[in-house]
Amino acid sequence: MKKLNFNLKPVAAAVGVTALTLVSGAVMAQEAGSIDLTAITGAFKASDVITAVMAVAGVLAAIYATMTAAKMALRWIRGG
């Protein structure tokens, strides 16, 4: 078994940059005052989002089932 070499320096750098970005964004938002997002959040309901997510999940499940069935059929044809 081949041993994987994992370098933590890029991961630590990415975490540091992400943290600094989030902190600076939070500070800027506090200085600018509160942001009113009711126009955006009031435009849709949670049931609409759930329906959309379930529709995407259903399509992905159908694609996965079709791919699995095709692989099984090819195995049966090949005799393996």
N, C-alpha and C. Protein backbone atom coordinates (compact mmCIF):
# COMPACT_ATOMS: atom_id res chain seq x y z
N MET A 1 0.84 -1.18 0.00
CA MET A 1 0.00 0.00 0.00
C MET A 1 0.88 1.24 0.00
N LYS A 2 0.54 2.18 -0.85
CA LYS A 2 1.34 3.39 -1.00
C LYS A 2 0.96 4.39 0.09
N LYS A 3 1.98 4.96 0.72
CA LYS A 3 1.74 5.95 1.78
C LYS A 3 1.49 7.31 1.14
N LEU A 4 0.43 7.97 1.59
CA LEU A 4 0.09 9.28 1.07
C LEU A 4 0.81 10.36 1.86
N ASN A 5 1.41 11.29 1.16
CA ASN A 5 2.04 12.43 1.80
C ASN A 5 1.06 13.59 1.75
N PHE A 6 0.71 14.10 2.91
CA PHE A 6 -0.27 15.17 3.01
C PHE A 6 0.39 16.38 3.63
N ASN A 7 0.39 17.49 2.91
CA ASN A 7 1.03 18.71 3.36
C ASN A 7 -0.03 19.62 3.98
N LEU A 8 0.16 19.99 5.22
CA LEU A 8 -0.82 20.81 5.93
C LEU A 8 -0.65 22.31 5.69
N LYS A 9 0.46 22.75 5.13
CA LYS A 9 0.69 24.18 4.94
C LYS A 9 -0.36 24.83 4.03
N PRO A 10 -0.69 24.25 2.86
CA PRO A 10 -1.72 24.88 2.04
C PRO A 10 -3.09 24.90 2.71
N VAL A 11 -3.39 23.85 3.46
CA VAL A 11 -4.68 23.79 4.16
C VAL A 11 -4.74 24.88 5.23
N ALA A 12 -3.65 25.02 5.98
CA ALA A 12 -3.62 26.04 7.02
C ALA A 12 -3.71 27.43 6.41
N ALA A 13 -3.06 27.66 5.29
CA ALA A 13 -3.13 28.95 4.63
C ALA A 13 -4.54 29.25 4.15
N ALA A 14 -5.21 28.25 3.59
CA ALA A 14 -6.58 28.44 3.11
C ALA A 14 -7.52 28.74 4.27
N VAL A 15 -7.35 28.04 5.37
CA VAL A 15 -8.19 28.29 6.55
C VAL A 15 -7.94 29.70 7.08
N GLY A 16 -6.71 30.12 7.12
CA GLY A 16 -6.38 31.46 7.61
C GLY A 16 -6.96 32.55 6.73
N VAL A 17 -6.84 32.38 5.42
CA VAL A 17 -7.38 33.38 4.49
C VAL A 17 -8.90 33.43 4.58
N THR A 18 -9.53 32.28 4.70
CA THR A 18 -10.99 32.23 4.83
C THR A 18 -11.44 32.91 6.11
N ALA A 19 -10.76 32.65 7.20
CA ALA A 19 -11.12 33.28 8.48
C ALA A 19 -10.97 34.79 8.41
N LEU A 20 -9.87 35.26 7.83
CA LEU A 20 -9.68 36.71 7.70
C LEU A 20 -10.74 37.35 6.82
N THR A 21 -11.11 36.67 5.76
CA THR A 21 -12.14 37.19 4.87
C THR A 21 -13.48 37.30 5.59
N LEU A 22 -13.83 36.26 6.33
CA LEU A 22 -15.10 36.27 7.05
C LEU A 22 -15.12 37.34 8.14
N VAL A 23 -14.03 37.47 8.85
CA VAL A 23 -13.96 38.48 9.91
C VAL A 23 -14.05 39.88 9.33
N SER A 24 -13.32 40.14 8.25
CA SER A 24 -13.37 41.48 7.66
C SER A 24 -14.75 41.78 7.10
N GLY A 25 -15.41 40.78 6.54
CA GLY A 25 -16.78 40.97 6.05
C GLY A 25 -17.75 41.27 7.16
N ALA A 26 -17.58 40.59 8.30
CA ALA A 26 -18.46 40.84 9.44
C ALA A 26 -18.24 42.23 10.00
N VAL A 27 -16.99 42.67 10.06
CA VAL A 27 -16.69 44.01 10.57
C VAL A 27 -17.27 45.06 9.65
N MET A 28 -17.13 44.88 8.35
CA MET A 28 -17.68 45.85 7.39
C MET A 28 -19.20 45.91 7.47
N ALA A 29 -19.84 44.77 7.68
CA ALA A 29 -21.29 44.75 7.79
C ALA A 29 -21.76 45.49 9.04
N GLN A 30 -21.01 45.36 10.13
CA GLN A 30 -21.38 46.05 11.36
C GLN A 30 -21.18 47.55 11.22
N GLU A 31 -20.14 47.96 10.52
CA GLU A 31 -19.88 49.38 10.36
C GLU A 31 -20.91 50.03 9.43
N ALA A 32 -21.38 49.28 8.44
CA ALA A 32 -22.33 49.83 7.48
C ALA A 32 -23.74 49.85 8.03
N GLY A 33 -23.98 49.23 9.15
CA GLY A 33 -25.33 49.13 9.69
C GLY A 33 -25.94 47.81 9.28
N SER A 34 -27.13 47.57 9.76
CA SER A 34 -27.76 46.30 9.44
C SER A 34 -28.29 46.32 8.01
N ILE A 35 -28.22 45.19 7.37
CA ILE A 35 -28.66 45.06 5.99
C ILE A 35 -30.06 44.45 6.00
N ASP A 36 -30.99 45.06 5.29
CA ASP A 36 -32.36 44.58 5.24
C ASP A 36 -32.51 43.62 4.06
N LEU A 37 -32.71 42.34 4.37
CA LEU A 37 -32.85 41.32 3.34
C LEU A 37 -34.27 40.81 3.23
N THR A 38 -35.24 41.51 3.80
CA THR A 38 -36.61 41.00 3.79
C THR A 38 -37.19 40.94 2.39
N ALA A 39 -36.76 41.80 1.49
CA ALA A 39 -37.25 41.75 0.11
C ALA A 39 -36.82 40.46 -0.58
N ILE A 40 -35.63 40.00 -0.25
CA ILE A 40 -35.12 38.77 -0.86
C ILE A 40 -35.71 37.55 -0.16
N THR A 41 -35.66 37.53 1.16
CA THR A 41 -36.12 36.35 1.89
C THR A 41 -37.63 36.21 1.87
N GLY A 42 -38.36 37.29 1.66
CA GLY A 42 -39.81 37.19 1.60
C GLY A 42 -40.33 36.76 0.25
N ALA A 43 -39.46 36.63 -0.75
CA ALA A 43 -39.89 36.29 -2.10
C ALA A 43 -40.16 34.80 -2.27
N PHE A 44 -39.72 33.97 -1.36
CA PHE A 44 -39.95 32.54 -1.50
C PHE A 44 -40.27 31.94 -0.14
N LYS A 45 -40.87 30.76 -0.17
CA LYS A 45 -41.24 30.04 1.06
C LYS A 45 -40.33 28.83 1.21
N ALA A 46 -40.27 28.33 2.42
CA ALA A 46 -39.44 27.15 2.68
C ALA A 46 -39.97 25.95 1.91
N SER A 47 -41.28 25.85 1.74
CA SER A 47 -41.83 24.70 1.01
C SER A 47 -41.39 24.72 -0.46
N ASP A 48 -41.23 25.91 -1.04
CA ASP A 48 -40.74 26.00 -2.41
C ASP A 48 -39.32 25.48 -2.52
N VAL A 49 -38.49 25.83 -1.56
CA VAL A 49 -37.09 25.39 -1.57
C VAL A 49 -37.02 23.88 -1.37
N ILE A 50 -37.82 23.36 -0.44
CA ILE A 50 -37.82 21.92 -0.19
C ILE A 50 -38.27 21.17 -1.43
N THR A 51 -39.29 21.67 -2.11
CA THR A 51 -39.76 21.04 -3.34
C THR A 51 -38.67 21.01 -4.40
N ALA A 52 -37.96 22.11 -4.56
CA ALA A 52 -36.88 22.17 -5.55
C ALA A 52 -35.75 21.21 -5.21
N VAL A 53 -35.38 21.16 -3.95
CA VAL A 53 -34.29 20.26 -3.53
C VAL A 53 -34.70 18.80 -3.74
N MET A 54 -35.94 18.47 -3.41
CA MET A 54 -36.40 17.10 -3.60
C MET A 54 -36.48 16.74 -5.08
N ALA A 55 -36.85 17.70 -5.93
CA ALA A 55 -36.89 17.44 -7.37
C ALA A 55 -35.50 17.14 -7.91
N VAL A 56 -34.51 17.91 -7.48
CA VAL A 56 -33.14 17.67 -7.92
C VAL A 56 -32.65 16.32 -7.40
N ALA A 57 -32.97 16.00 -6.15
CA ALA A 57 -32.57 14.70 -5.59
C ALA A 57 -33.22 13.55 -6.36
N GLY A 58 -34.47 13.72 -6.76
CA GLY A 58 -35.14 12.68 -7.53
C GLY A 58 -34.49 12.47 -8.89
N VAL A 59 -34.12 13.55 -9.55
CA VAL A 59 -33.45 13.43 -10.86
C VAL A 59 -32.10 12.73 -10.70
N LEU A 60 -31.35 13.12 -9.67
CA LEU A 60 -30.05 12.48 -9.45
C LEU A 60 -30.20 11.00 -9.11
N ALA A 61 -31.23 10.65 -8.33
CA ALA A 61 -31.47 9.25 -7.99
C ALA A 61 -31.83 8.46 -9.24
N ALA A 62 -32.62 9.04 -10.13
CA ALA A 62 -32.98 8.35 -11.37
C ALA A 62 -31.75 8.14 -12.25
N ILE A 63 -30.89 9.13 -12.33
CA ILE A 63 -29.66 8.99 -13.12
C ILE A 63 -28.77 7.90 -12.53
N TYR A 64 -28.62 7.89 -11.22
CA TYR A 64 -27.78 6.89 -10.56
C TYR A 64 -28.35 5.48 -10.78
N ALA A 65 -29.67 5.34 -10.65
CA ALA A 65 -30.30 4.03 -10.85
C ALA A 65 -30.12 3.56 -12.30
N THR A 66 -30.24 4.47 -13.25
CA THR A 66 -30.06 4.11 -14.66
C THR A 66 -28.63 3.67 -14.93
N MET A 67 -27.67 4.40 -14.37
CA MET A 67 -26.27 4.02 -14.56
C MET A 67 -25.98 2.66 -13.94
N THR A 68 -26.51 2.42 -12.76
CA THR A 68 -26.30 1.13 -12.09
C THR A 68 -26.92 -0.01 -12.89
N ALA A 69 -28.14 0.22 -13.40
CA ALA A 69 -28.79 -0.81 -14.20
C ALA A 69 -28.01 -1.09 -15.49
N ALA A 70 -27.47 -0.06 -16.12
CA ALA A 70 -26.68 -0.25 -17.33
C ALA A 70 -25.42 -1.05 -17.04
N LYS A 71 -24.76 -0.74 -15.92
CA LYS A 71 -23.56 -1.50 -15.56
C LYS A 71 -23.89 -2.95 -15.29
N MET A 72 -25.01 -3.19 -14.61
CA MET A 72 -25.42 -4.58 -14.34
C MET A 72 -25.73 -5.31 -15.64
N ALA A 73 -26.42 -4.66 -16.57
CA ALA A 73 -26.75 -5.29 -17.84
C ALA A 73 -25.49 -5.63 -18.63
N LEU A 74 -24.53 -4.73 -18.63
CA LEU A 74 -23.27 -5.01 -19.33
C LEU A 74 -22.53 -6.17 -18.69
N ARG A 75 -22.58 -6.27 -17.37
CA ARG A 75 -21.94 -7.41 -16.69
C ARG A 75 -22.62 -8.71 -17.07
N TRP A 76 -23.96 -8.69 -17.14
CA TRP A 76 -24.70 -9.91 -17.52
C TRP A 76 -24.38 -10.31 -18.95
N ILE A 77 -24.27 -9.32 -19.84
CA ILE A 77 -23.98 -9.61 -21.24
C ILE A 77 -22.59 -10.20 -21.39
N ARG A 78 -21.63 -9.64 -20.66
CA ARG A 78 -20.25 -10.11 -20.73
C ARG A 78 -20.06 -11.44 -20.00
N GLY A 79 -20.97 -11.77 -19.12
CA GLY A 79 -20.88 -13.03 -18.39
C GLY A 79 -20.04 -12.93 -17.14
N GLY A 80 -19.90 -11.76 -16.60
CA GLY A 80 -19.07 -11.59 -15.43
C GLY A 80 -19.85 -11.05 -14.33
